[in-house]
Amino acid sequence: MEGIALFVSIVIIVFGVLQIILFFKLWGMTNNVKKIKRILNNKKEQDMEIGKTVIADGIKEGDLVVELKTERQMRVENITNDGKFECKASGMIVGVFKRNEIELFNKYWDKK
């Protein structure tokens, strides 16, 4: 009987030590998540400074969009500082549109 008790005690001690090691490993990984989050936030801020970042539901410079009122196809030429989209069609500037006036080409036709 003493042999079984000794064996169970050793197993419990090893299990406890492994639990403590696992706890500190998980705690260390949370620090890595904080670093990754900080890096991604910095990347997002840099993209916004350049003006090439995805603004307002996935529309960025160069994307093909549709004007909702007339169903005219255009390409986003520039995104202004106030979040409006300057669009071109047939090589000419068509106008400056708010986000609620245009939709991505693929999304628009998928809805219909």
C-alpha atoms as a PDB file:
ATOM      1  CA  MET A   1       0.000   0.000   0.000  1.00  0.00           C
ATOM      2  CA  GLU A   2       2.812   2.387   0.768  1.00  0.00           C
ATOM      3  CA  GLY A   3       4.237   1.890  -2.716  1.00  0.00           C
ATOM      4  CA  ILE A   4       0.974   2.966  -4.356  1.00  0.00           C
ATOM      5  CA  ALA A   5       0.691   6.010  -2.084  1.00  0.00           C
ATOM      6  CA  LEU A   6       4.283   6.997  -2.907  1.00  0.00           C
ATOM      7  CA  PHE A   7       3.645   6.595  -6.649  1.00  0.00           C
ATOM      8  CA  VAL A   8       0.415   8.670  -6.501  1.00  0.00           C
ATOM      9  CA  SER A   9       2.207  11.364  -4.475  1.00  0.00           C
ATOM     10  CA  ILE A  10       5.013  11.604  -7.044  1.00  0.00           C
ATOM     11  CA  VAL A  11       2.491  11.823  -9.911  1.00  0.00           C
ATOM     12  CA  ILE A  12       0.555  14.589  -8.095  1.00  0.00           C
ATOM     13  CA  ILE A  13       3.759  16.565  -7.428  1.00  0.00           C
ATOM     14  CA  VAL A  14       4.891  16.282 -11.073  1.00  0.00           C
ATOM     15  CA  PHE A  15       1.411  17.271 -12.232  1.00  0.00           C
ATOM     16  CA  GLY A  16       1.436  20.319  -9.911  1.00  0.00           C
ATOM     17  CA  VAL A  17       4.850  21.455 -11.169  1.00  0.00           C
ATOM     18  CA  LEU A  18       3.702  21.118 -14.777  1.00  0.00           C
ATOM     19  CA  GLN A  19       0.589  23.185 -13.999  1.00  0.00           C
ATOM     20  CA  ILE A  20       2.757  25.971 -12.570  1.00  0.00           C
ATOM     21  CA  ILE A  21       5.003  25.909 -15.655  1.00  0.00           C
ATOM     22  CA  LEU A  22       1.939  26.045 -17.916  1.00  0.00           C
ATOM     23  CA  PHE A  23       0.567  29.022 -15.974  1.00  0.00           C
ATOM     24  CA  PHE A  24       3.729  31.054 -16.510  1.00  0.00           C
ATOM     25  CA  LYS A  25       3.899  30.056 -20.201  1.00  0.00           C
ATOM     26  CA  LEU A  26       0.355  31.338 -20.741  1.00  0.00           C
ATOM     27  CA  TRP A  27       1.121  34.517 -18.830  1.00  0.00           C
ATOM     28  CA  GLY A  28       4.125  35.118 -21.088  1.00  0.00           C
ATOM     29  CA  MET A  29       1.996  34.616 -24.198  1.00  0.00           C
ATOM     30  CA  THR A  30      -0.366  37.401 -23.122  1.00  0.00           C
ATOM     31  CA  ASN A  31       2.582  39.789 -23.325  1.00  0.00           C
ATOM     32  CA  ASN A  32       3.167  38.639 -26.911  1.00  0.00           C
ATOM     33  CA  VAL A  33      -0.462  39.418 -27.781  1.00  0.00           C
ATOM     34  CA  LYS A  34       0.006  42.942 -26.431  1.00  0.00           C
ATOM     35  CA  LYS A  35       3.094  43.376 -28.626  1.00  0.00           C
ATOM     36  CA  ILE A  36       1.285  42.091 -31.719  1.00  0.00           C
ATOM     37  CA  LYS A  37      -1.679  44.394 -31.052  1.00  0.00           C
ATOM     38  CA  ARG A  38       0.648  47.386 -30.649  1.00  0.00           C
ATOM     39  CA  ILE A  39       2.458  46.532 -33.910  1.00  0.00           C
ATOM     40  CA  LEU A  40      -0.832  46.219 -35.812  1.00  0.00           C
ATOM     41  CA  ASN A  41      -2.109  49.525 -34.423  1.00  0.00           C
ATOM     42  CA  ASN A  42       1.124  51.253 -35.483  1.00  0.00           C
ATOM     43  CA  LYS A  43       0.816  49.738 -38.973  1.00  0.00           C
ATOM     44  CA  LYS A  44      -2.769  50.969 -39.235  1.00  0.00           C
ATOM     45  CA  GLU A  45      -1.737  54.492 -38.209  1.00  0.00           C
ATOM     46  CA  GLN A  46       1.081  54.491 -40.778  1.00  0.00           C
ATOM     47  CA  ASP A  47      -1.317  53.385 -43.504  1.00  0.00           C
ATOM     48  CA  MET A  48      -3.727  56.173 -42.580  1.00  0.00           C
ATOM     49  CA  GLU A  49      -0.932  58.720 -42.866  1.00  0.00           C
ATOM     50  CA  ILE A  50      -0.130  57.510 -46.363  1.00  0.00           C
ATOM     51  CA  GLY A  51      -3.798  57.692 -47.347  1.00  0.00           C
ATOM     52  CA  LYS A  52      -3.853  54.195 -48.835  1.00  0.00           C
ATOM     53  CA  THR A  53      -5.630  52.543 -45.945  1.00  0.00           C
ATOM     54  CA  VAL A  54      -9.015  50.935 -46.171  1.00  0.00           C
ATOM     55  CA  ILE A  55     -11.524  53.583 -45.178  1.00  0.00           C
ATOM     56  CA  ALA A  56     -15.213  53.122 -44.626  1.00  0.00           C
ATOM     57  CA  ASP A  57     -16.104  49.513 -45.169  1.00  0.00           C
ATOM     58  CA  GLY A  58     -13.326  48.353 -47.443  1.00  0.00           C
ATOM     59  CA  ILE A  59     -13.059  50.984 -50.177  1.00  0.00           C
ATOM     60  CA  LYS A  60      -9.546  52.152 -51.005  1.00  0.00           C
ATOM     61  CA  GLU A  61      -7.773  53.971 -53.825  1.00  0.00           C
ATOM     62  CA  GLY A  62      -7.939  52.109 -57.110  1.00  0.00           C
ATOM     63  CA  ASP A  63     -11.110  50.143 -56.289  1.00  0.00           C
ATOM     64  CA  LEU A  64     -13.938  49.864 -58.795  1.00  0.00           C
ATOM     65  CA  VAL A  65     -17.164  51.317 -57.374  1.00  0.00           C
ATOM     66  CA  VAL A  66     -20.726  51.997 -58.457  1.00  0.00           C
ATOM     67  CA  GLU A  67     -22.592  55.248 -57.869  1.00  0.00           C
ATOM     68  CA  LEU A  68     -25.819  54.125 -56.226  1.00  0.00           C
ATOM     69  CA  LYS A  69     -28.014  56.824 -57.771  1.00  0.00           C
ATOM     70  CA  THR A  70     -27.106  56.226 -61.429  1.00  0.00           C
ATOM     71  CA  GLU A  71     -25.382  52.797 -61.304  1.00  0.00           C
ATOM     72  CA  ARG A  72     -22.371  54.372 -63.045  1.00  0.00           C
ATOM     73  CA  GLN A  73     -19.109  52.448 -62.750  1.00  0.00           C
ATOM     74  CA  MET A  74     -16.118  54.453 -61.560  1.00  0.00           C
ATOM     75  CA  ARG A  75     -12.680  53.967 -60.100  1.00  0.00           C
ATOM     76  CA  VAL A  76     -11.619  55.623 -56.828  1.00  0.00           C
ATOM     77  CA  GLU A  77      -8.794  57.989 -57.730  1.00  0.00           C
ATOM     78  CA  ASN A  78      -8.188  59.621 -54.367  1.00  0.00           C
ATOM     79  CA  ILE A  79      -9.519  59.653 -50.805  1.00  0.00           C
ATOM     80  CA  THR A  80      -9.728  63.136 -49.350  1.00  0.00           C
ATOM     81  CA  ASN A  81      -8.760  63.998 -45.782  1.00  0.00           C
ATOM     82  CA  ASP A  82     -12.417  64.304 -44.784  1.00  0.00           C
ATOM     83  CA  GLY A  83     -13.165  60.737 -45.970  1.00  0.00           C
ATOM     84  CA  LYS A  84     -14.772  61.510 -49.336  1.00  0.00           C
ATOM     85  CA  PHE A  85     -13.962  59.541 -52.481  1.00  0.00           C
ATOM     86  CA  GLU A  86     -12.790  61.269 -55.658  1.00  0.00           C
ATOM     87  CA  CYS A  87     -13.822  59.028 -58.560  1.00  0.00           C
ATOM     88  CA  LYS A  88     -12.923  58.818 -62.259  1.00  0.00           C
ATOM     89  CA  ALA A  89     -14.787  57.305 -65.194  1.00  0.00           C
ATOM     90  CA  SER A  90     -13.417  57.156 -68.736  1.00  0.00           C
ATOM     91  CA  GLY A  91     -10.280  59.007 -67.620  1.00  0.00           C
ATOM     92  CA  MET A  92     -12.199  62.054 -66.354  1.00  0.00           C
ATOM     93  CA  ILE A  93     -12.963  63.028 -62.770  1.00  0.00           C
ATOM     94  CA  VAL A  94     -16.665  62.390 -62.238  1.00  0.00           C
ATOM     95  CA  GLY A  95     -17.019  63.833 -58.774  1.00  0.00           C
ATOM     96  CA  VAL A  96     -16.430  63.530 -55.070  1.00  0.00           C
ATOM     97  CA  PHE A  97     -18.748  61.175 -53.244  1.00  0.00           C
ATOM     98  CA  LYS A  98     -19.587  60.352 -49.652  1.00  0.00           C
ATOM     99  CA  ARG A  99     -19.423  56.731 -48.529  1.00  0.00           C
ATOM    100  CA  ASN A 100     -23.212  56.320 -48.575  1.00  0.00           C
ATOM    101  CA  GLU A 101     -23.356  57.387 -52.253  1.00  0.00           C
ATOM    102  CA  ILE A 102     -21.100  54.614 -53.610  1.00  0.00           C
ATOM    103  CA  GLU A 103     -20.600  50.872 -53.162  1.00  0.00           C
ATOM    104  CA  LEU A 104     -17.886  48.438 -54.175  1.00  0.00           C
ATOM    105  CA  PHE A 105     -18.607  47.016 -57.621  1.00  0.00           C
ATOM    106  CA  ASN A 106     -18.666  43.370 -56.528  1.00  0.00           C
ATOM    107  CA  LYS A 107     -20.757  43.991 -53.404  1.00  0.00           C
ATOM    108  CA  TYR A 108     -23.287  46.060 -55.340  1.00  0.00           C
ATOM    109  CA  TRP A 109     -23.952  43.468 -58.034  1.00  0.00           C
ATOM    110  CA  ASP A 110     -23.926  40.575 -55.551  1.00  0.00           C
ATOM    111  CA  LYS A 111     -26.853  42.218 -53.743  1.00  0.00           C
ATOM    112  CA  LYS A 112     -28.973  42.399 -56.909  1.00  0.00           C
END
